[in-house]
C-alpha atoms as a PDB file:
ATOM      1  CA  MET A   1      24.708 -34.176 -10.196  1.00  0.00           C
ATOM      2  CA  LYS A   2      25.890 -33.319  -6.703  1.00  0.00           C
ATOM      3  CA  LEU A   3      25.623 -29.568  -7.535  1.00  0.00           C
ATOM      4  CA  LEU A   4      22.034 -30.110  -8.787  1.00  0.00           C
ATOM      5  CA  LYS A   5      21.114 -31.937  -5.566  1.00  0.00           C
ATOM      6  CA  ARG A   6      22.674 -29.141  -3.429  1.00  0.00           C
ATOM      7  CA  LEU A   7      20.760 -26.500  -5.375  1.00  0.00           C
ATOM      8  CA  GLY A   8      17.588 -28.487  -5.060  1.00  0.00           C
ATOM      9  CA  LEU A   9      18.079 -28.740  -1.279  1.00  0.00           C
ATOM     10  CA  ILE A  10      18.831 -25.054  -1.038  1.00  0.00           C
ATOM     11  CA  ALA A  11      15.555 -24.320  -3.052  1.00  0.00           C
ATOM     12  CA  VAL A  12      13.497 -26.448  -0.761  1.00  0.00           C
ATOM     13  CA  VAL A  13      14.997 -24.890   2.408  1.00  0.00           C
ATOM     14  CA  LEU A  14      14.285 -21.435   1.011  1.00  0.00           C
ATOM     15  CA  ALA A  15      10.674 -22.338   0.060  1.00  0.00           C
ATOM     16  CA  VAL A  16      10.070 -23.767   3.521  1.00  0.00           C
ATOM     17  CA  ALA A  17      11.598 -20.750   5.207  1.00  0.00           C
ATOM     18  CA  THR A  18       9.539 -18.366   3.048  1.00  0.00           C
ATOM     19  CA  GLY A  19       6.403 -20.323   3.755  1.00  0.00           C
ATOM     20  CA  VAL A  20       7.025 -20.376   7.460  1.00  0.00           C
ATOM     21  CA  GLY A  21       7.849 -16.615   7.434  1.00  0.00           C
ATOM     22  CA  PHE A  22       4.698 -15.846   5.497  1.00  0.00           C
ATOM     23  CA  TRP A  23       2.518 -17.906   7.850  1.00  0.00           C
ATOM     24  CA  ALA A  24       4.020 -16.072  10.908  1.00  0.00           C
ATOM     25  CA  ARG A  25       4.079 -12.576   9.565  1.00  0.00           C
ATOM     26  CA  PRO A  26       1.745 -12.368   6.461  1.00  0.00           C
ATOM     27  CA  VAL A  27       1.079  -8.592   6.748  1.00  0.00           C
ATOM     28  CA  SER A  28       4.844  -7.882   6.450  1.00  0.00           C
ATOM     29  CA  TYR A  29       4.909  -9.993   3.235  1.00  0.00           C
ATOM     30  CA  PHE A  30       1.943  -8.156   1.822  1.00  0.00           C
ATOM     31  CA  ASN A  31       3.521  -4.814   2.702  1.00  0.00           C
ATOM     32  CA  GLU A  32       6.790  -5.685   0.936  1.00  0.00           C
ATOM     33  CA  LEU A  33       4.855  -6.952  -2.086  1.00  0.00           C
ATOM     34  CA  THR A  34       2.939  -3.581  -2.143  1.00  0.00           C
ATOM     35  CA  TYR A  35       6.221  -1.606  -1.904  1.00  0.00           C
ATOM     36  CA  MET A  36       7.640  -3.630  -4.755  1.00  0.00           C
ATOM     37  CA  ARG A  37       4.584  -2.989  -6.886  1.00  0.00           C
ATOM     38  CA  GLU A  38       4.848   0.737  -6.134  1.00  0.00           C
ATOM     39  CA  CYS A  39       8.497   0.835  -7.193  1.00  0.00           C
ATOM     40  CA  PHE A  40       7.700  -0.800 -10.499  1.00  0.00           C
ATOM     41  CA  SER A  41       4.747   1.559 -11.191  1.00  0.00           C
ATOM     42  CA  GLY A  42       6.782   4.685 -10.734  1.00  0.00           C
ATOM     43  CA  VAL A  43       5.842   5.567  -7.166  1.00  0.00           C
ATOM     44  CA  GLU A  44       8.677   7.460  -5.457  1.00  0.00           C
ATOM     45  CA  SER A  45       9.309   6.488  -1.743  1.00  0.00           C
ATOM     46  CA  ARG A  46      11.041   9.184   0.166  1.00  0.00           C
ATOM     47  CA  SER A  47      11.570  10.581   3.653  1.00  0.00           C
ATOM     48  CA  ILE A  48      11.979  14.143   4.939  1.00  0.00           C
ATOM     49  CA  THR A  49      12.348  15.788   8.356  1.00  0.00           C
ATOM     50  CA  VAL A  50       9.339  17.813   9.524  1.00  0.00           C
ATOM     51  CA  SER A  51       9.251  19.455  12.975  1.00  0.00           C
ATOM     52  CA  GLY A  52      12.221  17.269  14.026  1.00  0.00           C
ATOM     53  CA  TYR A  53      10.489  14.024  13.003  1.00  0.00           C
ATOM     54  CA  ARG A  54      11.295  11.694  10.129  1.00  0.00           C
ATOM     55  CA  MET A  55       8.331  11.598   7.857  1.00  0.00           C
ATOM     56  CA  HIS A  56       7.915   9.246   4.963  1.00  0.00           C
ATOM     57  CA  TYR A  57       5.963  10.006   1.853  1.00  0.00           C
ATOM     58  CA  ASN A  58       5.090   8.585  -1.612  1.00  0.00           C
ATOM     59  CA  ALA A  59       5.033  10.753  -4.693  1.00  0.00           C
ATOM     60  CA  LEU A  60       3.686  10.062  -8.163  1.00  0.00           C
ATOM     61  CA  GLY A  61       3.198  11.988 -11.363  1.00  0.00           C
ATOM     62  CA  PRO A  62       5.079  14.693 -13.358  1.00  0.00           C
ATOM     63  CA  VAL A  63       7.470  16.791 -11.198  1.00  0.00           C
ATOM     64  CA  ASN A  64       6.255  20.031 -12.722  1.00  0.00           C
ATOM     65  CA  GLY A  65       2.510  19.169 -12.641  1.00  0.00           C
ATOM     66  CA  PRO A  66       0.044  20.998 -10.431  1.00  0.00           C
ATOM     67  CA  VAL A  67       0.222  19.630  -6.874  1.00  0.00           C
ATOM     68  CA  ILE A  68      -2.294  17.589  -4.909  1.00  0.00           C
ATOM     69  CA  VAL A  69      -1.478  16.441  -1.333  1.00  0.00           C
ATOM     70  CA  LEU A  70      -3.584  13.510   0.022  1.00  0.00           C
ATOM     71  CA  VAL A  71      -3.816  12.864   3.796  1.00  0.00           C
ATOM     72  CA  HIS A  72      -4.792   9.440   5.076  1.00  0.00           C
ATOM     73  CA  GLY A  73      -7.046   8.615   8.006  1.00  0.00           C
ATOM     74  CA  LEU A  74      -6.730   7.198  11.498  1.00  0.00           C
ATOM     75  CA  GLY A  75      -4.651   4.018  11.441  1.00  0.00           C
ATOM     76  CA  GLY A  76      -3.997   4.630   7.716  1.00  0.00           C
ATOM     77  CA  ARG A  77      -0.956   5.177   5.603  1.00  0.00           C
ATOM     78  CA  ALA A  78       0.138   6.688   2.281  1.00  0.00           C
ATOM     79  CA  GLU A  79      -0.802   3.449   0.491  1.00  0.00           C
ATOM     80  CA  ASP A  80      -4.517   4.061   1.107  1.00  0.00           C
ATOM     81  CA  TRP A  81      -4.289   6.444  -1.914  1.00  0.00           C
ATOM     82  CA  ASN A  82      -2.731   3.863  -4.206  1.00  0.00           C
ATOM     83  CA  HIS A  83      -6.045   3.361  -6.197  1.00  0.00           C
ATOM     84  CA  LEU A  84      -6.787   7.061  -6.757  1.00  0.00           C
ATOM     85  CA  ALA A  85      -3.324   8.506  -7.195  1.00  0.00           C
ATOM     86  CA  PRO A  86      -2.523   6.900 -10.634  1.00  0.00           C
ATOM     87  CA  TYR A  87      -5.679   8.517 -12.141  1.00  0.00           C
ATOM     88  CA  LEU A  88      -4.502  11.977 -10.783  1.00  0.00           C
ATOM     89  CA  ALA A  89      -0.961  11.372 -12.080  1.00  0.00           C
ATOM     90  CA  LYS A  90      -2.270  10.362 -15.467  1.00  0.00           C
ATOM     91  CA  ALA A  91      -4.266  13.653 -15.591  1.00  0.00           C
ATOM     92  CA  GLY A  92      -0.939  15.550 -15.075  1.00  0.00           C
ATOM     93  CA  PHE A  93      -0.911  16.126 -11.412  1.00  0.00           C
ATOM     94  CA  ARG A  94       2.034  15.689  -9.025  1.00  0.00           C
ATOM     95  CA  VAL A  95       0.614  13.674  -6.142  1.00  0.00           C
ATOM     96  CA  TYR A  96       2.157  13.687  -2.654  1.00  0.00           C
ATOM     97  CA  MET A  97       0.948  11.066  -0.095  1.00  0.00           C
ATOM     98  CA  PRO A  98       2.541  11.547   3.337  1.00  0.00           C
ATOM     99  CA  ASP A  99       2.585   9.012   6.191  1.00  0.00           C
ATOM    100  CA  LEU A 100       1.632  11.122   9.223  1.00  0.00           C
ATOM    101  CA  PRO A 101       3.763  10.780  12.326  1.00  0.00           C
ATOM    102  CA  GLY A 102       2.996   7.503  14.017  1.00  0.00           C
ATOM    103  CA  TYR A 103       1.703   5.823  10.828  1.00  0.00           C
ATOM    104  CA  GLY A 104       3.064   3.882   7.863  1.00  0.00           C
ATOM    105  CA  ARG A 105       6.757   4.220   7.447  1.00  0.00           C
ATOM    106  CA  SER A 106       7.071   7.527   9.330  1.00  0.00           C
ATOM    107  CA  GLN A 107       8.648   7.873  12.828  1.00  0.00           C
ATOM    108  CA  GLN A 108       6.467   7.101  15.904  1.00  0.00           C
ATOM    109  CA  PRO A 109       7.439   9.892  18.256  1.00  0.00           C
ATOM    110  CA  ALA A 110       6.370   9.334  21.884  1.00  0.00           C
ATOM    111  CA  ASP A 111       6.486  13.043  22.693  1.00  0.00           C
ATOM    112  CA  PHE A 112       3.990  14.026  19.909  1.00  0.00           C
ATOM    113  CA  SER A 113       0.436  14.845  20.885  1.00  0.00           C
ATOM    114  CA  TYR A 114      -1.320  13.260  17.824  1.00  0.00           C
ATOM    115  CA  SER A 115      -4.047  15.955  18.134  1.00  0.00           C
ATOM    116  CA  ILE A 116      -5.766  17.204  15.040  1.00  0.00           C
ATOM    117  CA  ALA A 117      -4.193  20.619  15.357  1.00  0.00           C
ATOM    118  CA  ASP A 118      -0.610  19.301  15.731  1.00  0.00           C
ATOM    119  CA  LYS A 119      -1.130  16.953  12.775  1.00  0.00           C
ATOM    120  CA  ALA A 120      -2.391  19.824  10.785  1.00  0.00           C
ATOM    121  CA  ASN A 121       0.762  21.717  11.727  1.00  0.00           C
ATOM    122  CA  VAL A 122       2.849  18.732  10.511  1.00  0.00           C
ATOM    123  CA  VAL A 123       1.047  18.889   7.145  1.00  0.00           C
ATOM    124  CA  VAL A 124       1.805  22.591   6.839  1.00  0.00           C
ATOM    125  CA  GLY A 125       5.416  21.797   7.769  1.00  0.00           C
ATOM    126  CA  PHE A 126       5.461  19.046   5.110  1.00  0.00           C
ATOM    127  CA  LEU A 127       4.359  21.685   2.530  1.00  0.00           C
ATOM    128  CA  ASP A 128       7.066  24.006   3.781  1.00  0.00           C
ATOM    129  CA  ALA A 129       9.755  21.357   3.638  1.00  0.00           C
ATOM    130  CA  LEU A 130       8.949  20.579   0.037  1.00  0.00           C
ATOM    131  CA  GLY A 131       8.572  24.194  -0.953  1.00  0.00           C
ATOM    132  CA  LEU A 132       4.859  23.890  -1.894  1.00  0.00           C
ATOM    133  CA  LYS A 133       3.298  27.344  -1.561  1.00  0.00           C
ATOM    134  CA  GLN A 134      -0.286  26.406  -2.558  1.00  0.00           C
ATOM    135  CA  VAL A 135      -1.791  22.930  -3.181  1.00  0.00           C
ATOM    136  CA  ASN A 136      -5.005  21.060  -3.803  1.00  0.00           C
ATOM    137  CA  LEU A 137      -5.509  19.285  -0.458  1.00  0.00           C
ATOM    138  CA  GLY A 138      -7.494  16.078   0.073  1.00  0.00           C
ATOM    139  CA  GLY A 139      -8.236  14.025   3.169  1.00  0.00           C
ATOM    140  CA  LEU A 140      -9.847  10.760   3.983  1.00  0.00           C
ATOM    141  CA  SER A 141     -11.688  10.287   7.307  1.00  0.00           C
ATOM    142  CA  MET A 142      -9.425  11.705   9.994  1.00  0.00           C
ATOM    143  CA  GLY A 143      -7.244  13.111   7.173  1.00  0.00           C
ATOM    144  CA  GLY A 144     -10.282  15.103   5.993  1.00  0.00           C
ATOM    145  CA  TRP A 145     -10.576  16.482   9.482  1.00  0.00           C
ATOM    146  CA  ILE A 146      -6.897  17.504   9.400  1.00  0.00           C
ATOM    147  CA  ALA A 147      -7.335  19.018   5.948  1.00  0.00           C
ATOM    148  CA  GLN A 148     -10.298  21.149   7.177  1.00  0.00           C
ATOM    149  CA  TRP A 149      -8.104  22.403   9.932  1.00  0.00           C
ATOM    150  CA  VAL A 150      -5.244  23.293   7.551  1.00  0.00           C
ATOM    151  CA  ALA A 151      -7.693  24.991   5.154  1.00  0.00           C
ATOM    152  CA  SER A 152      -9.157  27.111   7.990  1.00  0.00           C
ATOM    153  CA  GLU A 153      -5.898  28.102   9.621  1.00  0.00           C
ATOM    154  CA  HIS A 154      -3.889  28.542   6.383  1.00  0.00           C
ATOM    155  CA  PRO A 155      -6.444  29.270   3.566  1.00  0.00           C
ATOM    156  CA  GLU A 156      -3.731  30.770   1.394  1.00  0.00           C
ATOM    157  CA  ARG A 157      -2.079  27.380   1.203  1.00  0.00           C
ATOM    158  CA  VAL A 158      -5.212  25.498  -0.174  1.00  0.00           C
ATOM    159  CA  ARG A 159      -6.338  26.002  -3.591  1.00  0.00           C
ATOM    160  CA  LYS A 160      -9.144  23.502  -3.569  1.00  0.00           C
ATOM    161  CA  LEU A 161     -10.244  21.153  -0.792  1.00  0.00           C
ATOM    162  CA  ILE A 162     -11.361  17.526  -1.147  1.00  0.00           C
ATOM    163  CA  LEU A 163     -13.088  15.771   1.727  1.00  0.00           C
ATOM    164  CA  ILE A 164     -13.727  12.065   1.467  1.00  0.00           C
ATOM    165  CA  ASP A 165     -15.883  10.335   4.148  1.00  0.00           C
ATOM    166  CA  SER A 166     -14.400  12.970   6.447  1.00  0.00           C
ATOM    167  CA  ALA A 167     -14.573  13.246  10.225  1.00  0.00           C
ATOM    168  CA  GLY A 168     -14.612  16.590  12.021  1.00  0.00           C
ATOM    169  CA  ILE A 169     -18.178  17.312  12.790  1.00  0.00           C
ATOM    170  CA  TYR A 170     -19.145  17.293  16.460  1.00  0.00           C
ATOM    171  CA  GLU A 171     -21.116  14.180  16.751  1.00  0.00           C
ATOM    172  CA  LYS A 172     -20.929  11.206  19.227  1.00  0.00           C
ATOM    173  CA  PRO A 173     -19.947   8.027  17.451  1.00  0.00           C
ATOM    174  CA  ALA A 174     -22.595   5.314  17.356  1.00  0.00           C
ATOM    175  CA  PHE A 175     -20.012   2.498  17.803  1.00  0.00           C
ATOM    176  CA  ASP A 176     -17.393   1.481  20.307  1.00  0.00           C
ATOM    177  CA  LEU A 177     -14.146   3.504  19.619  1.00  0.00           C
ATOM    178  CA  HIS A 178     -12.164   0.572  21.003  1.00  0.00           C
ATOM    179  CA  LEU A 179     -12.900  -1.268  17.792  1.00  0.00           C
ATOM    180  CA  PHE A 180     -10.195   0.936  16.162  1.00  0.00           C
ATOM    181  CA  THR A 181      -7.720  -1.219  18.109  1.00  0.00           C
ATOM    182  CA  PRO A 182      -9.273  -4.673  17.918  1.00  0.00           C
ATOM    183  CA  ALA A 183      -7.969  -7.087  20.446  1.00  0.00           C
ATOM    184  CA  ASN A 184      -9.540 -10.391  19.131  1.00  0.00           C
ATOM    185  CA  PRO A 185     -10.962 -11.790  15.871  1.00  0.00           C
ATOM    186  CA  ALA A 186     -14.547 -10.849  16.793  1.00  0.00           C
ATOM    187  CA  GLU A 187     -13.691  -7.206  17.198  1.00  0.00           C
ATOM    188  CA  LEU A 188     -11.690  -7.247  13.996  1.00  0.00           C
ATOM    189  CA  ASP A 189     -14.720  -8.555  12.190  1.00  0.00           C
ATOM    190  CA  GLN A 190     -16.835  -5.815  13.718  1.00  0.00           C
ATOM    191  CA  LEU A 191     -14.336  -3.177  12.620  1.00  0.00           C
ATOM    192  CA  GLU A 192     -14.333  -4.570   9.066  1.00  0.00           C
ATOM    193  CA  ALA A 193     -18.122  -4.526   8.956  1.00  0.00           C
ATOM    194  CA  LEU A 194     -17.983  -0.797  10.004  1.00  0.00           C
ATOM    195  CA  LEU A 195     -15.474   0.041   7.300  1.00  0.00           C
ATOM    196  CA  MET A 196     -17.037  -1.603   4.276  1.00  0.00           C
ATOM    197  CA  PRO A 197     -20.186  -3.318   3.099  1.00  0.00           C
ATOM    198  CA  HIS A 198     -19.985  -7.133   2.884  1.00  0.00           C
ATOM    199  CA  PRO A 199     -16.334  -7.549   3.983  1.00  0.00           C
ATOM    200  CA  GLN A 200     -14.553 -10.765   3.044  1.00  0.00           C
ATOM    201  CA  LYS A 201     -13.586 -13.117   5.775  1.00  0.00           C
ATOM    202  CA  ILE A 202      -9.919 -12.629   6.854  1.00  0.00           C
ATOM    203  CA  PRO A 203      -7.984 -15.956   7.096  1.00  0.00           C
ATOM    204  CA  GLY A 204      -7.171 -16.874  10.756  1.00  0.00           C
ATOM    205  CA  PHE A 205      -3.424 -16.616  10.437  1.00  0.00           C
ATOM    206  CA  VAL A 206      -3.636 -13.218   8.769  1.00  0.00           C
ATOM    207  CA  ALA A 207      -6.146 -11.967  11.452  1.00  0.00           C
ATOM    208  CA  GLU A 208      -3.628 -13.012  14.154  1.00  0.00           C
ATOM    209  CA  ASP A 209      -0.898 -10.925  12.553  1.00  0.00           C
ATOM    210  CA  ILE A 210      -3.178  -7.925  12.075  1.00  0.00           C
ATOM    211  CA  LEU A 211      -4.101  -8.122  15.780  1.00  0.00           C
ATOM    212  CA  ARG A 212      -0.522  -8.473  16.775  1.00  0.00           C
ATOM    213  CA  ARG A 213       0.302  -5.246  14.880  1.00  0.00           C
ATOM    214  CA  SER A 214      -2.796  -3.562  16.295  1.00  0.00           C
ATOM    215  CA  LYS A 215      -1.580  -4.201  19.817  1.00  0.00           C
ATOM    216  CA  LYS A 216       1.900  -2.892  19.011  1.00  0.00           C
ATOM    217  CA  ASN A 217       0.534   0.437  17.521  1.00  0.00           C
ATOM    218  CA  ALA A 218      -2.553   0.866  19.711  1.00  0.00           C
ATOM    219  CA  TRP A 219      -0.904   3.591  21.812  1.00  0.00           C
ATOM    220  CA  VAL A 220      -0.804   5.912  18.773  1.00  0.00           C
ATOM    221  CA  ILE A 221      -4.478   5.322  17.952  1.00  0.00           C
ATOM    222  CA  HIS A 222      -5.409   5.863  21.663  1.00  0.00           C
ATOM    223  CA  LYS A 223      -3.529   9.169  21.842  1.00  0.00           C
ATOM    224  CA  ALA A 224      -5.269  10.388  18.667  1.00  0.00           C
ATOM    225  CA  LEU A 225      -8.709   9.303  19.875  1.00  0.00           C
ATOM    226  CA  ASP A 226      -8.195  10.831  23.427  1.00  0.00           C
ATOM    227  CA  SER A 227      -7.481  14.127  21.819  1.00  0.00           C
ATOM    228  CA  ALA A 228     -10.269  13.903  19.222  1.00  0.00           C
ATOM    229  CA  ILE A 229     -13.112  13.061  21.649  1.00  0.00           C
ATOM    230  CA  THR A 230     -12.526  16.111  23.706  1.00  0.00           C
ATOM    231  CA  GLY A 231     -14.489  18.049  21.051  1.00  0.00           C
ATOM    232  CA  ARG A 232     -11.834  20.804  21.149  1.00  0.00           C
ATOM    233  CA  TYR A 233     -10.817  20.444  17.481  1.00  0.00           C
ATOM    234  CA  THR A 234     -14.251  19.885  15.842  1.00  0.00           C
ATOM    235  CA  THR A 235     -14.825  21.916  12.725  1.00  0.00           C
ATOM    236  CA  ASP A 236     -18.527  22.903  12.859  1.00  0.00           C
ATOM    237  CA  THR A 237     -17.620  26.496  13.518  1.00  0.00           C
ATOM    238  CA  LEU A 238     -14.759  26.631  11.095  1.00  0.00           C
ATOM    239  CA  LEU A 239     -16.373  25.278   7.940  1.00  0.00           C
ATOM    240  CA  PRO A 240     -18.594  28.304   7.213  1.00  0.00           C
ATOM    241  CA  GLY A 241     -15.485  30.383   6.994  1.00  0.00           C
ATOM    242  CA  LEU A 242     -13.840  28.420   4.221  1.00  0.00           C
ATOM    243  CA  LYS A 243     -13.751  30.308   0.907  1.00  0.00           C
ATOM    244  CA  MET A 244     -11.951  27.864  -1.470  1.00  0.00           C
ATOM    245  CA  PRO A 245     -13.914  25.422  -3.585  1.00  0.00           C
ATOM    246  CA  VAL A 246     -14.736  22.238  -1.672  1.00  0.00           C
ATOM    247  CA  LEU A 247     -15.628  18.804  -2.985  1.00  0.00           C
ATOM    248  CA  ILE A 248     -17.314  16.382  -0.577  1.00  0.00           C
ATOM    249  CA  VAL A 249     -17.289  12.700  -1.545  1.00  0.00           C
ATOM    250  CA  TRP A 250     -19.153  10.173   0.601  1.00  0.00           C
ATOM    251  CA  GLY A 251     -19.969   6.485   0.587  1.00  0.00           C
ATOM    252  CA  ALA A 252     -23.676   6.078   1.049  1.00  0.00           C
ATOM    253  CA  GLU A 253     -23.243   3.098   3.340  1.00  0.00           C
ATOM    254  CA  ASP A 254     -20.518   4.707   5.555  1.00  0.00           C
ATOM    255  CA  HIS A 255     -21.066   3.563   9.192  1.00  0.00           C
ATOM    256  CA  ILE A 256     -17.926   5.329  10.615  1.00  0.00           C
ATOM    257  CA  THR A 257     -18.817   8.858   9.540  1.00  0.00           C
ATOM    258  CA  PRO A 258     -22.459   8.495   8.391  1.00  0.00           C
ATOM    259  CA  LEU A 259     -23.778  10.232   5.331  1.00  0.00           C
ATOM    260  CA  SER A 260     -25.601  12.729   7.596  1.00  0.00           C
ATOM    261  CA  GLN A 261     -22.288  14.151   8.528  1.00  0.00           C
ATOM    262  CA  GLY A 262     -21.287  14.754   5.033  1.00  0.00           C
ATOM    263  CA  GLU A 263     -24.609  16.417   4.379  1.00  0.00           C
ATOM    264  CA  LYS A 264     -23.983  18.755   7.412  1.00  0.00           C
ATOM    265  CA  ILE A 265     -20.601  19.671   6.032  1.00  0.00           C
ATOM    266  CA  HIS A 266     -22.295  20.382   2.661  1.00  0.00           C
ATOM    267  CA  GLN A 267     -24.746  22.672   4.403  1.00  0.00           C
ATOM    268  CA  LEU A 268     -22.029  24.491   6.356  1.00  0.00           C
ATOM    269  CA  VAL A 269     -19.957  25.262   3.237  1.00  0.00           C
ATOM    270  CA  PRO A 270     -22.211  27.033   0.820  1.00  0.00           C
ATOM    271  CA  GLN A 271     -19.760  26.815  -2.115  1.00  0.00           C
ATOM    272  CA  SER A 272     -19.224  23.075  -1.777  1.00  0.00           C
ATOM    273  CA  GLU A 273     -20.450  20.353  -4.061  1.00  0.00           C
ATOM    274  CA  MET A 274     -21.242  16.871  -2.941  1.00  0.00           C
ATOM    275  CA  GLU A 275     -21.091  13.464  -4.537  1.00  0.00           C
ATOM    276  CA  VAL A 276     -22.601  10.418  -2.832  1.00  0.00           C
ATOM    277  CA  ILE A 277     -21.335   6.984  -4.023  1.00  0.00           C
ATOM    278  CA  PRO A 278     -24.079   4.301  -3.827  1.00  0.00           C
ATOM    279  CA  GLY A 279     -23.145   0.926  -2.311  1.00  0.00           C
ATOM    280  CA  CYS A 280     -19.904   2.146  -0.838  1.00  0.00           C
ATOM    281  CA  GLY A 281     -18.791   2.461   2.749  1.00  0.00           C
ATOM    282  CA  HIS A 282     -16.123   4.372   4.685  1.00  0.00           C
ATOM    283  CA  LEU A 283     -13.383   3.115   2.462  1.00  0.00           C
ATOM    284  CA  ALA A 284     -14.993   4.310  -0.770  1.00  0.00           C
ATOM    285  CA  VAL A 285     -11.784   5.824  -2.031  1.00  0.00           C
ATOM    286  CA  ILE A 286     -10.194   2.331  -1.982  1.00  0.00           C
ATOM    287  CA  GLN A 287     -13.199   0.090  -2.974  1.00  0.00           C
ATOM    288  CA  CYS A 288     -15.083   2.503  -5.308  1.00  0.00           C
ATOM    289  CA  THR A 289     -12.320   4.302  -6.998  1.00  0.00           C
ATOM    290  CA  ALA A 290     -13.862   4.015 -10.492  1.00  0.00           C
ATOM    291  CA  GLN A 291     -16.869   6.062  -9.351  1.00  0.00           C
ATOM    292  CA  ILE A 292     -14.865   8.577  -7.359  1.00  0.00           C
ATOM    293  CA  GLU A 293     -11.975   9.294  -9.814  1.00  0.00           C
ATOM    294  CA  PRO A 294     -13.891  11.195 -12.506  1.00  0.00           C
ATOM    295  CA  GLU A 295     -15.393  13.610  -9.939  1.00  0.00           C
ATOM    296  CA  VAL A 296     -12.016  14.238  -8.236  1.00  0.00           C
ATOM    297  CA  VAL A 297     -10.085  14.749 -11.445  1.00  0.00           C
ATOM    298  CA  GLU A 298     -12.699  17.108 -12.922  1.00  0.00           C
ATOM    299  CA  PHE A 299     -12.901  19.045  -9.614  1.00  0.00           C
ATOM    300  CA  VAL A 300      -9.122  19.735  -9.341  1.00  0.00           C
ATOM    301  CA  ARG A 301      -8.809  20.568 -13.038  1.00  0.00           C
END
């Protein structure tokens, strides 16, 4: 009876501690749950050194399958591809999803420029480190911008190029860039409204933790934006020179990189094909995977 009471007390203490921890740091709990699910679903979590920096990546699919590398966007991480990657793996592809320097579980080097060109060099270094001579390359938002740069500078490394709600075209944003590092709940709500149609309300304690993490990592986003807004790395003049097949996928209700930008990329790349996803916003690859998956799988096949 005494043992049962002690065990009951321990269970209560653990439950209270878990509840308090979740209330204080819910994002960390959600992340750990995500990592656990990845592990049970066959996702491989690994790290490698690229250009002297520790770089984390996820991998999924048959080891000997044709390779596709997916690059996340500004403020994103490898997990942004968790909805699409299983479809590609099921189709027989080996999928690599790196965390770029400064993001996800990769190192946050203070001496890195975070420019598009340097991040493109890191992607090429990632391919070299894994011994990948030629790959299908996909990118979301800023990741699409990086992918364009890689395809232009190293066309022999890219078999097919996939651009999903991609940045890169020279066009002044119609929104305040400071929203990428929201400082209060109102700004977080504005960012959510830019990213997706009809976003769900974020609970207050979760919003507080998101804002805390945003403040901690804001310097990385600021360095990336400071480099991007110079216009030095825009791809308007690079795109017509691409020779590989290009698939452009766009959310019709994208307010970060409007559909007009996707249409311009389509015009600049004569051999490209474009798919517009109705009712979807900038995070179409996450929220509208069912509509995107058939097009991407068929294209890389």
